[in-house]
Amino acid sequence: MIITITGDPGSGKTSVAKILSARLDMPWKSMGDLRGRIALERGLTIDELNRLGESDPATDSAVDDLQKRLGETEDNFIIEGRLSWFFIPRSFKIYLACDPEESARRVFDARKFEAGRDDEAQYASVEETRRELERRSASDARRYERYYGLKGIDKEKFDLVIDTTTHDRPDVTVDKIIVDLKVRGFIAGDL
């Protein structure tokens, strides 16, 4: 089984993937972390890399090609990335949704109070974070349409959609995922 996790910024994708990986004893891969390393190697933030990607498909193709290869050659892993569901169509697809205001608060707090991602800019406020996340999502949408013909992300294409707005505890989200996987018969009932 391959599980792909995507969703809104700040919805808990990475935290959920880490916990789910441990609970299911499956390796986990983060395309966001990989893109972040690419940005840092170029001396850019992730937002700057995304804007560059609107005219240079190479900023996306390395990560996207890796996802395709993984989906074709490996099994039994969890992968977290904005388009992982698209590049690995035979996966169990999870979408984590979150209200934009809550997303911005979480991203701002993570960068301000925790060891956030080094490729993230240090935003001055939650409002600035929200504006930048909107720009990031718009940049993603432009690139996805230009390079892959995707006009937005249709949540109907996902096996499971969870709105994490009202809770920021990734373990609660993981519990919901585990229950769904059990009900569908993907995992044994003793987890």
N, C-alpha and C. Protein backbone atom coordinates (compact mmCIF):
# COMPACT_ATOMS: atom_id res chain seq x y z
N MET A 1 0.84 -1.18 0.00
CA MET A 1 0.00 0.00 0.00
C MET A 1 0.89 1.24 0.00
N ILE A 2 0.53 2.20 -0.83
CA ILE A 2 1.17 3.50 -0.83
C ILE A 2 0.12 4.51 -0.38
N ILE A 3 0.50 5.36 0.56
CA ILE A 3 -0.39 6.40 1.04
C ILE A 3 0.21 7.75 0.64
N THR A 4 -0.59 8.55 -0.07
CA THR A 4 -0.15 9.90 -0.41
C THR A 4 -0.94 10.88 0.44
N ILE A 5 -0.23 11.88 0.95
CA ILE A 5 -0.86 12.91 1.78
C ILE A 5 -0.57 14.26 1.15
N THR A 6 -1.62 14.99 0.87
CA THR A 6 -1.49 16.36 0.40
C THR A 6 -2.48 17.22 1.16
N GLY A 7 -2.48 18.50 0.86
CA GLY A 7 -3.43 19.37 1.53
C GLY A 7 -2.98 20.80 1.56
N ASP A 8 -3.73 21.57 2.31
CA ASP A 8 -3.49 23.00 2.42
C ASP A 8 -2.24 23.26 3.26
N PRO A 9 -1.58 24.40 3.03
CA PRO A 9 -0.46 24.76 3.90
C PRO A 9 -0.94 24.83 5.35
N GLY A 10 -0.13 24.33 6.26
CA GLY A 10 -0.47 24.40 7.67
C GLY A 10 -1.52 23.41 8.13
N SER A 11 -1.92 22.49 7.26
CA SER A 11 -2.97 21.53 7.63
C SER A 11 -2.43 20.35 8.43
N GLY A 12 -1.11 20.23 8.54
CA GLY A 12 -0.52 19.16 9.34
C GLY A 12 0.03 18.01 8.53
N LYS A 13 0.24 18.21 7.25
CA LYS A 13 0.68 17.12 6.37
C LYS A 13 1.93 16.42 6.89
N THR A 14 2.95 17.17 7.19
CA THR A 14 4.23 16.59 7.60
C THR A 14 4.10 15.89 8.95
N SER A 15 3.47 16.55 9.91
CA SER A 15 3.30 15.95 11.24
C SER A 15 2.49 14.67 11.15
N VAL A 16 1.41 14.70 10.37
CA VAL A 16 0.58 13.51 10.20
C VAL A 16 1.38 12.39 9.54
N ALA A 17 2.13 12.71 8.50
CA ALA A 17 2.92 11.70 7.79
C ALA A 17 3.92 11.04 8.74
N LYS A 18 4.58 11.82 9.57
CA LYS A 18 5.56 11.26 10.52
C LYS A 18 4.91 10.30 11.51
N ILE A 19 3.79 10.73 12.08
CA ILE A 19 3.11 9.89 13.08
C ILE A 19 2.53 8.64 12.42
N LEU A 20 1.90 8.82 11.26
CA LEU A 20 1.32 7.68 10.55
C LEU A 20 2.41 6.68 10.16
N SER A 21 3.56 7.18 9.75
CA SER A 21 4.70 6.33 9.42
C SER A 21 5.09 5.46 10.61
N ALA A 22 5.16 6.05 11.77
CA ALA A 22 5.53 5.30 12.98
C ALA A 22 4.44 4.30 13.35
N ARG A 23 3.18 4.72 13.27
CA ARG A 23 2.07 3.84 13.66
C ARG A 23 1.93 2.64 12.72
N LEU A 24 2.17 2.85 11.42
CA LEU A 24 2.02 1.77 10.44
C LEU A 24 3.34 1.06 10.14
N ASP A 25 4.42 1.55 10.74
CA ASP A 25 5.76 1.00 10.50
C ASP A 25 6.07 0.98 9.00
N MET A 26 5.83 2.13 8.38
CA MET A 26 6.09 2.30 6.95
C MET A 26 7.03 3.49 6.78
N PRO A 27 7.98 3.41 5.85
CA PRO A 27 8.84 4.57 5.63
C PRO A 27 8.05 5.76 5.09
N TRP A 28 8.56 6.93 5.35
CA TRP A 28 7.90 8.17 4.97
C TRP A 28 8.85 9.04 4.17
N LYS A 29 8.32 9.67 3.15
CA LYS A 29 9.11 10.57 2.29
C LYS A 29 8.38 11.90 2.18
N SER A 30 9.15 12.99 2.23
CA SER A 30 8.55 14.32 2.16
C SER A 30 9.06 15.05 0.93
N MET A 31 8.15 15.33 0.01
CA MET A 31 8.53 16.09 -1.18
C MET A 31 8.68 17.57 -0.82
N GLY A 32 7.96 18.04 0.18
CA GLY A 32 8.13 19.41 0.63
C GLY A 32 9.53 19.65 1.19
N ASP A 33 10.03 18.67 1.96
CA ASP A 33 11.39 18.79 2.48
C ASP A 33 12.41 18.77 1.34
N LEU A 34 12.17 17.92 0.35
CA LEU A 34 13.08 17.84 -0.79
C LEU A 34 13.08 19.16 -1.56
N ARG A 35 11.90 19.72 -1.82
CA ARG A 35 11.83 21.02 -2.50
C ARG A 35 12.49 22.11 -1.66
N GLY A 36 12.34 22.01 -0.35
CA GLY A 36 12.99 22.98 0.53
C GLY A 36 14.50 22.92 0.42
N ARG A 37 15.05 21.71 0.35
CA ARG A 37 16.50 21.56 0.19
C ARG A 37 16.96 22.12 -1.15
N ILE A 38 16.18 21.89 -2.19
CA ILE A 38 16.50 22.44 -3.52
C ILE A 38 16.53 23.97 -3.45
N ALA A 39 15.54 24.54 -2.78
CA ALA A 39 15.50 26.00 -2.64
C ALA A 39 16.74 26.51 -1.91
N LEU A 40 17.08 25.88 -0.80
CA LEU A 40 18.24 26.33 -0.01
C LEU A 40 19.53 26.18 -0.81
N GLU A 41 19.66 25.09 -1.58
CA GLU A 41 20.86 24.91 -2.40
C GLU A 41 21.01 26.03 -3.42
N ARG A 42 19.90 26.61 -3.84
CA ARG A 42 19.92 27.71 -4.81
C ARG A 42 19.95 29.08 -4.11
N GLY A 43 19.96 29.06 -2.77
CA GLY A 43 19.96 30.32 -2.03
C GLY A 43 18.62 31.03 -2.05
N LEU A 44 17.53 30.25 -2.15
CA LEU A 44 16.19 30.80 -2.27
C LEU A 44 15.30 30.33 -1.13
N THR A 45 14.20 31.04 -0.91
CA THR A 45 13.14 30.52 -0.05
C THR A 45 12.26 29.62 -0.93
N ILE A 46 11.38 28.87 -0.31
CA ILE A 46 10.48 28.02 -1.07
C ILE A 46 9.55 28.87 -1.96
N ASP A 47 9.16 30.03 -1.45
CA ASP A 47 8.29 30.92 -2.25
C ASP A 47 9.02 31.43 -3.48
N GLU A 48 10.30 31.78 -3.33
CA GLU A 48 11.09 32.23 -4.48
C GLU A 48 11.29 31.10 -5.48
N LEU A 49 11.52 29.88 -4.99
CA LEU A 49 11.67 28.72 -5.88
C LEU A 49 10.38 28.49 -6.66
N ASN A 50 9.25 28.61 -5.98
CA ASN A 50 7.96 28.42 -6.65
C ASN A 50 7.75 29.46 -7.74
N ARG A 51 8.08 30.72 -7.45
CA ARG A 51 7.91 31.76 -8.49
C ARG A 51 8.84 31.49 -9.67
N LEU A 52 10.06 31.08 -9.40
CA LEU A 52 10.99 30.72 -10.47
C LEU A 52 10.42 29.57 -11.30
N GLY A 53 9.77 28.64 -10.61
CA GLY A 53 9.18 27.49 -11.28
C GLY A 53 8.08 27.82 -12.26
N GLU A 54 7.51 29.00 -12.14
CA GLU A 54 6.46 29.39 -13.09
C GLU A 54 7.01 29.57 -14.50
N SER A 55 8.31 29.78 -14.62
CA SER A 55 8.93 29.90 -15.95
C SER A 55 10.00 28.84 -16.19
N ASP A 56 10.38 28.10 -15.16
CA ASP A 56 11.44 27.09 -15.28
C ASP A 56 10.94 25.75 -14.73
N PRO A 57 10.46 24.87 -15.59
CA PRO A 57 9.90 23.60 -15.12
C PRO A 57 10.90 22.71 -14.40
N ALA A 58 12.17 22.97 -14.55
CA ALA A 58 13.19 22.15 -13.87
C ALA A 58 13.08 22.24 -12.36
N THR A 59 12.52 23.32 -11.83
CA THR A 59 12.39 23.44 -10.39
C THR A 59 11.39 22.43 -9.83
N ASP A 60 10.49 21.95 -10.65
CA ASP A 60 9.50 20.96 -10.24
C ASP A 60 9.85 19.55 -10.74
N SER A 61 10.46 19.45 -11.91
CA SER A 61 10.58 18.14 -12.57
C SER A 61 11.41 17.13 -11.78
N ALA A 62 12.44 17.56 -11.09
CA ALA A 62 13.25 16.59 -10.33
C ALA A 62 12.41 15.90 -9.26
N VAL A 63 11.63 16.67 -8.54
CA VAL A 63 10.78 16.11 -7.48
C VAL A 63 9.64 15.31 -8.10
N ASP A 64 9.04 15.82 -9.14
CA ASP A 64 7.92 15.14 -9.76
C ASP A 64 8.35 13.82 -10.40
N ASP A 65 9.49 13.82 -11.07
CA ASP A 65 10.00 12.59 -11.67
C ASP A 65 10.33 11.55 -10.60
N LEU A 66 10.86 12.00 -9.47
CA LEU A 66 11.16 11.08 -8.37
C LEU A 66 9.88 10.43 -7.86
N GLN A 67 8.82 11.21 -7.71
CA GLN A 67 7.56 10.65 -7.24
C GLN A 67 7.03 9.59 -8.20
N LYS A 68 7.08 9.90 -9.49
CA LYS A 68 6.62 8.93 -10.48
C LYS A 68 7.40 7.62 -10.36
N ARG A 69 8.73 7.74 -10.27
CA ARG A 69 9.58 6.55 -10.16
C ARG A 69 9.26 5.75 -8.91
N LEU A 70 9.11 6.44 -7.79
CA LEU A 70 8.78 5.75 -6.54
C LEU A 70 7.47 4.98 -6.68
N GLY A 71 6.48 5.61 -7.27
CA GLY A 71 5.19 4.97 -7.44
C GLY A 71 5.23 3.76 -8.36
N GLU A 72 6.16 3.77 -9.30
CA GLU A 72 6.29 2.67 -10.25
C GLU A 72 7.18 1.54 -9.75
N THR A 73 8.10 1.84 -8.83
CA THR A 73 9.12 0.85 -8.46
C THR A 73 9.07 0.40 -7.00
N GLU A 74 8.36 1.13 -6.15
CA GLU A 74 8.34 0.78 -4.73
C GLU A 74 6.92 0.59 -4.25
N ASP A 75 6.80 0.02 -3.05
CA ASP A 75 5.50 -0.17 -2.43
C ASP A 75 5.66 -0.01 -0.92
N ASN A 76 4.56 0.10 -0.23
CA ASN A 76 4.55 0.19 1.23
C ASN A 76 5.35 1.37 1.75
N PHE A 77 4.89 2.56 1.41
CA PHE A 77 5.48 3.78 1.95
C PHE A 77 4.42 4.88 1.98
N ILE A 78 4.74 5.91 2.74
CA ILE A 78 3.90 7.10 2.84
C ILE A 78 4.68 8.24 2.21
N ILE A 79 4.00 9.01 1.38
CA ILE A 79 4.67 10.14 0.74
C ILE A 79 3.78 11.37 0.90
N GLU A 80 4.42 12.45 1.33
CA GLU A 80 3.72 13.70 1.56
C GLU A 80 4.23 14.71 0.55
N GLY A 81 3.29 15.26 -0.24
CA GLY A 81 3.66 16.23 -1.25
C GLY A 81 2.41 16.77 -1.92
N ARG A 82 2.52 17.97 -2.46
CA ARG A 82 1.36 18.63 -3.03
C ARG A 82 0.76 17.85 -4.21
N LEU A 83 1.59 17.19 -5.02
CA LEU A 83 1.08 16.44 -6.18
C LEU A 83 1.35 14.94 -6.11
N SER A 84 1.71 14.45 -4.94
CA SER A 84 2.01 13.01 -4.82
C SER A 84 0.83 12.17 -5.29
N TRP A 85 -0.39 12.57 -4.95
CA TRP A 85 -1.59 11.84 -5.36
C TRP A 85 -1.69 11.75 -6.89
N PHE A 86 -1.24 12.77 -7.58
CA PHE A 86 -1.33 12.83 -9.03
C PHE A 86 -0.28 11.92 -9.68
N PHE A 87 0.93 11.94 -9.13
CA PHE A 87 2.02 11.16 -9.71
C PHE A 87 2.01 9.70 -9.30
N ILE A 88 1.25 9.38 -8.26
CA ILE A 88 1.14 7.99 -7.82
C ILE A 88 -0.36 7.66 -7.74
N PRO A 89 -0.98 7.46 -8.89
CA PRO A 89 -2.43 7.29 -8.92
C PRO A 89 -2.93 6.03 -8.22
N ARG A 90 -2.10 5.04 -8.05
CA ARG A 90 -2.55 3.80 -7.39
C ARG A 90 -2.47 3.89 -5.87
N SER A 91 -2.22 5.07 -5.34
CA SER A 91 -2.08 5.26 -3.91
C SER A 91 -3.43 5.47 -3.23
N PHE A 92 -3.43 5.33 -1.91
CA PHE A 92 -4.56 5.74 -1.08
C PHE A 92 -4.34 7.22 -0.83
N LYS A 93 -5.24 8.05 -1.34
CA LYS A 93 -5.03 9.50 -1.39
C LYS A 93 -5.75 10.21 -0.24
N ILE A 94 -4.97 10.95 0.56
CA ILE A 94 -5.52 11.70 1.69
C ILE A 94 -5.31 13.19 1.43
N TYR A 95 -6.36 13.98 1.67
CA TYR A 95 -6.26 15.43 1.57
C TYR A 95 -6.59 16.01 2.95
N LEU A 96 -5.67 16.84 3.46
CA LEU A 96 -5.89 17.53 4.72
C LEU A 96 -6.23 18.99 4.43
N ALA A 97 -7.43 19.39 4.80
CA ALA A 97 -7.90 20.75 4.56
C ALA A 97 -7.73 21.58 5.83
N CYS A 98 -7.62 22.89 5.65
CA CYS A 98 -7.53 23.81 6.78
C CYS A 98 -7.93 25.20 6.33
N ASP A 99 -8.70 25.88 7.14
CA ASP A 99 -9.09 27.25 6.87
C ASP A 99 -7.85 28.12 6.70
N PRO A 100 -7.84 29.03 5.72
CA PRO A 100 -6.65 29.85 5.46
C PRO A 100 -6.15 30.66 6.66
N GLU A 101 -7.06 31.17 7.48
CA GLU A 101 -6.62 31.93 8.66
C GLU A 101 -5.90 31.02 9.65
N GLU A 102 -6.45 29.84 9.88
CA GLU A 102 -5.82 28.90 10.80
C GLU A 102 -4.50 28.40 10.22
N SER A 103 -4.48 28.14 8.92
CA SER A 103 -3.24 27.73 8.27
C SER A 103 -2.14 28.76 8.50
N ALA A 104 -2.48 30.02 8.30
CA ALA A 104 -1.50 31.09 8.46
C ALA A 104 -1.00 31.15 9.90
N ARG A 105 -1.91 31.03 10.86
CA ARG A 105 -1.49 31.05 12.26
C ARG A 105 -0.52 29.92 12.56
N ARG A 106 -0.84 28.72 12.07
CA ARG A 106 0.03 27.56 12.34
C ARG A 106 1.41 27.73 11.71
N VAL A 107 1.44 28.17 10.46
CA VAL A 107 2.73 28.35 9.78
C VAL A 107 3.53 29.44 10.48
N PHE A 108 2.89 30.54 10.84
CA PHE A 108 3.57 31.63 11.53
C PHE A 108 4.13 31.14 12.87
N ASP A 109 3.30 30.45 13.66
CA ASP A 109 3.73 29.96 14.97
C ASP A 109 4.86 28.93 14.84
N ALA A 110 4.76 28.07 13.85
CA ALA A 110 5.80 27.05 13.67
C ALA A 110 7.15 27.71 13.38
N ARG A 111 7.13 28.72 12.58
CA ARG A 111 8.39 29.40 12.22
C ARG A 111 8.90 30.26 13.37
N LYS A 112 7.96 30.82 14.12
CA LYS A 112 8.33 31.73 15.20
C LYS A 112 8.74 31.00 16.48
N PHE A 113 8.00 29.95 16.84
CA PHE A 113 8.19 29.31 18.13
C PHE A 113 8.85 27.94 18.07
N GLU A 114 8.94 27.35 16.90
CA GLU A 114 9.52 26.02 16.78
C GLU A 114 10.66 26.06 15.77
N ALA A 115 11.32 24.94 15.64
CA ALA A 115 12.35 24.82 14.61
C ALA A 115 11.63 24.59 13.29
N GLY A 116 11.21 25.68 12.66
CA GLY A 116 10.51 25.60 11.39
C GLY A 116 11.45 25.25 10.26
N ARG A 117 10.91 25.16 9.09
CA ARG A 117 11.71 24.85 7.91
C ARG A 117 12.60 26.02 7.57
N ASP A 118 13.86 25.75 7.31
CA ASP A 118 14.82 26.81 6.99
C ASP A 118 14.52 27.49 5.66
N ASP A 119 13.77 26.83 4.78
CA ASP A 119 13.45 27.42 3.49
C ASP A 119 12.25 28.36 3.55
N GLU A 120 11.58 28.43 4.70
CA GLU A 120 10.45 29.33 4.89
C GLU A 120 10.95 30.71 5.28
N ALA A 121 10.37 31.72 4.71
CA ALA A 121 10.69 33.09 5.10
C ALA A 121 10.21 33.33 6.54
N GLN A 122 10.82 34.28 7.20
CA GLN A 122 10.37 34.68 8.54
C GLN A 122 9.35 35.80 8.36
N TYR A 123 8.08 35.46 8.42
CA TYR A 123 7.03 36.44 8.21
C TYR A 123 6.86 37.28 9.47
N ALA A 124 6.46 38.54 9.28
CA ALA A 124 6.35 39.48 10.40
C ALA A 124 5.05 39.32 11.19
N SER A 125 4.03 38.73 10.56
CA SER A 125 2.73 38.61 11.23
C SER A 125 1.95 37.46 10.62
N VAL A 126 0.87 37.12 11.30
CA VAL A 126 -0.02 36.08 10.77
C VAL A 126 -0.63 36.57 9.46
N GLU A 127 -0.99 37.85 9.38
CA GLU A 127 -1.58 38.40 8.16
C GLU A 127 -0.60 38.31 6.99
N GLU A 128 0.67 38.65 7.21
CA GLU A 128 1.67 38.52 6.14
C GLU A 128 1.83 37.06 5.73
N THR A 129 1.81 36.18 6.70
CA THR A 129 1.90 34.74 6.41
C THR A 129 0.73 34.31 5.54
N ARG A 130 -0.49 34.76 5.87
CA ARG A 130 -1.67 34.40 5.09
C ARG A 130 -1.53 34.87 3.64
N ARG A 131 -1.06 36.12 3.46
CA ARG A 131 -0.88 36.64 2.10
C ARG A 131 0.15 35.82 1.33
N GLU A 132 1.24 35.47 1.98
CA GLU A 132 2.29 34.69 1.31
C GLU A 132 1.80 33.27 0.99
N LEU A 133 1.03 32.69 1.88
CA LEU A 133 0.49 31.36 1.60
C LEU A 133 -0.49 31.40 0.43
N GLU A 134 -1.27 32.49 0.34
CA GLU A 134 -2.16 32.65 -0.82
C GLU A 134 -1.35 32.77 -2.10
N ARG A 135 -0.26 33.53 -2.06
CA ARG A 135 0.60 33.67 -3.24
C ARG A 135 1.22 32.32 -3.60
N ARG A 136 1.65 31.57 -2.58
CA ARG A 136 2.25 30.26 -2.82
C ARG A 136 1.24 29.33 -3.48
N SER A 137 0.03 29.31 -2.96
CA SER A 137 -1.01 28.45 -3.54
C SER A 137 -1.33 28.86 -4.97
N ALA A 138 -1.36 30.17 -5.23
CA ALA A 138 -1.62 30.65 -6.60
C ALA A 138 -0.47 30.25 -7.52
N SER A 139 0.76 30.35 -7.04
CA SER A 139 1.92 29.93 -7.84
C SER A 139 1.84 28.44 -8.14
N ASP A 140 1.50 27.65 -7.11
CA ASP A 140 1.34 26.21 -7.32
C ASP A 140 0.30 25.95 -8.40
N ALA A 141 -0.84 26.62 -8.30
CA ALA A 141 -1.92 26.41 -9.26
C ALA A 141 -1.49 26.75 -10.68
N ARG A 142 -0.76 27.85 -10.83
CA ARG A 142 -0.27 28.22 -12.18
C ARG A 142 0.67 27.15 -12.72
N ARG A 143 1.60 26.68 -11.89
CA ARG A 143 2.55 25.66 -12.35
C ARG A 143 1.85 24.34 -12.66
N TYR A 144 0.95 23.93 -11.82
CA TYR A 144 0.26 22.66 -12.02
C TYR A 144 -0.58 22.67 -13.30
N GLU A 145 -1.19 23.81 -13.57
CA GLU A 145 -1.98 23.90 -14.80
C GLU A 145 -1.05 23.94 -16.01
N ARG A 146 -0.01 24.73 -15.93
CA ARG A 146 0.90 24.87 -17.08
C ARG A 146 1.60 23.56 -17.41
N TYR A 147 2.12 22.88 -16.39
CA TYR A 147 2.94 21.70 -16.64
C TYR A 147 2.15 20.39 -16.71
N TYR A 148 0.98 20.35 -16.03
CA TYR A 148 0.27 19.07 -15.95
C TYR A 148 -1.21 19.16 -16.34
N GLY A 149 -1.66 20.34 -16.72
CA GLY A 149 -3.05 20.49 -17.13
C GLY A 149 -4.04 20.40 -15.99
N LEU A 150 -3.59 20.53 -14.76
CA LEU A 150 -4.49 20.46 -13.60
C LEU A 150 -5.07 21.84 -13.33
N LYS A 151 -6.38 21.91 -13.30
CA LYS A 151 -7.06 23.17 -12.99
C LYS A 151 -7.61 23.07 -11.58
N GLY A 152 -6.75 23.30 -10.62
CA GLY A 152 -7.14 23.17 -9.21
C GLY A 152 -7.06 21.72 -8.76
N ILE A 153 -7.18 21.54 -7.49
CA ILE A 153 -7.15 20.20 -6.91
C ILE A 153 -8.58 19.84 -6.52
N ASP A 154 -9.12 18.85 -7.19
CA ASP A 154 -10.48 18.38 -6.96
C ASP A 154 -10.46 17.39 -5.80
N LYS A 155 -11.04 17.78 -4.69
CA LYS A 155 -11.04 16.91 -3.50
C LYS A 155 -11.82 15.61 -3.73
N GLU A 156 -12.65 15.58 -4.77
CA GLU A 156 -13.38 14.35 -5.10
C GLU A 156 -12.43 13.24 -5.56
N LYS A 157 -11.22 13.59 -5.94
CA LYS A 157 -10.24 12.59 -6.40
C LYS A 157 -9.55 11.88 -5.25
N PHE A 158 -9.85 12.29 -4.01
CA PHE A 158 -9.17 11.73 -2.84
C PHE A 158 -10.04 10.68 -2.17
N ASP A 159 -9.38 9.70 -1.58
CA ASP A 159 -10.08 8.63 -0.87
C ASP A 159 -10.58 9.11 0.49
N LEU A 160 -9.86 10.07 1.08
CA LEU A 160 -10.21 10.55 2.41
C LEU A 160 -9.85 12.04 2.50
N VAL A 161 -10.80 12.85 2.92
CA VAL A 161 -10.57 14.27 3.14
C VAL A 161 -10.88 14.55 4.60
N ILE A 162 -9.92 15.18 5.29
CA ILE A 162 -10.10 15.52 6.70
C ILE A 162 -9.83 17.00 6.87
N ASP A 163 -10.76 17.70 7.48
CA ASP A 163 -10.57 19.11 7.79
C ASP A 163 -9.94 19.20 9.17
N THR A 164 -8.73 19.75 9.23
CA THR A 164 -8.00 19.83 10.50
C THR A 164 -8.12 21.20 11.15
N THR A 165 -8.99 22.05 10.63
CA THR A 165 -9.11 23.42 11.12
C THR A 165 -9.38 23.48 12.62
N THR A 166 -10.27 22.65 13.10
CA THR A 166 -10.71 22.76 14.50
C THR A 166 -9.79 22.04 15.49
N HIS A 167 -8.79 21.35 14.99
CA HIS A 167 -7.83 20.72 15.91
C HIS A 167 -6.45 20.78 15.27
N ASP A 168 -5.45 21.05 16.07
CA ASP A 168 -4.09 21.05 15.54
C ASP A 168 -3.27 19.93 16.15
N ARG A 169 -3.96 18.85 16.51
CA ARG A 169 -3.28 17.67 17.05
C ARG A 169 -3.20 16.62 15.96
N PRO A 170 -2.02 16.45 15.38
CA PRO A 170 -1.90 15.49 14.29
C PRO A 170 -2.24 14.05 14.70
N ASP A 171 -2.09 13.72 15.98
CA ASP A 171 -2.43 12.36 16.42
C ASP A 171 -3.93 12.10 16.26
N VAL A 172 -4.77 13.12 16.42
CA VAL A 172 -6.21 12.98 16.21
C VAL A 172 -6.49 12.69 14.74
N THR A 173 -5.79 13.40 13.85
CA THR A 173 -5.95 13.17 12.42
C THR A 173 -5.49 11.75 12.06
N VAL A 174 -4.37 11.33 12.62
CA VAL A 174 -3.86 9.97 12.35
C VAL A 174 -4.87 8.92 12.83
N ASP A 175 -5.47 9.14 13.99
CA ASP A 175 -6.49 8.19 14.47
C ASP A 175 -7.62 8.06 13.46
N LYS A 176 -8.06 9.18 12.88
CA LYS A 176 -9.14 9.14 11.88
C LYS A 176 -8.69 8.37 10.63
N ILE A 177 -7.45 8.57 10.23
CA ILE A 177 -6.92 7.85 9.06
C ILE A 177 -6.88 6.36 9.33
N ILE A 178 -6.38 5.99 10.50
CA ILE A 178 -6.28 4.56 10.87
C ILE A 178 -7.66 3.92 10.86
N VAL A 179 -8.65 4.58 11.44
CA VAL A 179 -10.01 4.04 11.45
C VAL A 179 -10.50 3.84 10.01
N ASP A 180 -10.29 4.82 9.15
CA ASP A 180 -10.73 4.70 7.77
C ASP A 180 -10.03 3.55 7.05
N LEU A 181 -8.73 3.41 7.26
CA LEU A 181 -7.98 2.32 6.62
C LEU A 181 -8.48 0.96 7.11
N LYS A 182 -8.83 0.86 8.39
CA LYS A 182 -9.37 -0.40 8.94
C LYS A 182 -10.72 -0.71 8.31
N VAL A 183 -11.60 0.29 8.26
CA VAL A 183 -12.94 0.09 7.70
C VAL A 183 -12.85 -0.38 6.25
N ARG A 184 -11.91 0.16 5.51
CA ARG A 184 -11.76 -0.21 4.10
C ARG A 184 -10.99 -1.52 3.92
N GLY A 185 -10.48 -2.08 5.01
CA GLY A 185 -9.78 -3.36 4.93
C GLY A 185 -8.33 -3.27 4.49
N PHE A 186 -7.74 -2.07 4.53
CA PHE A 186 -6.34 -1.92 4.12
C PHE A 186 -5.37 -2.35 5.21
N ILE A 187 -5.81 -2.25 6.46
CA ILE A 187 -4.94 -2.67 7.56
C ILE A 187 -5.74 -3.51 8.54
N ALA A 188 -5.03 -4.29 9.34
CA ALA A 188 -5.67 -5.16 10.32
C ALA A 188 -6.28 -4.32 11.43
N GLY A 189 -7.24 -4.88 12.12
CA GLY A 189 -7.96 -4.17 13.17
C GLY A 189 -7.20 -4.01 14.47
N ASP A 190 -6.01 -4.56 14.59
CA ASP A 190 -5.31 -4.51 15.90
C ASP A 190 -4.36 -3.33 16.04
N LEU A 191 -4.32 -2.41 15.11
CA LEU A 191 -3.45 -1.23 15.25
C LEU A 191 -4.09 -0.18 16.12
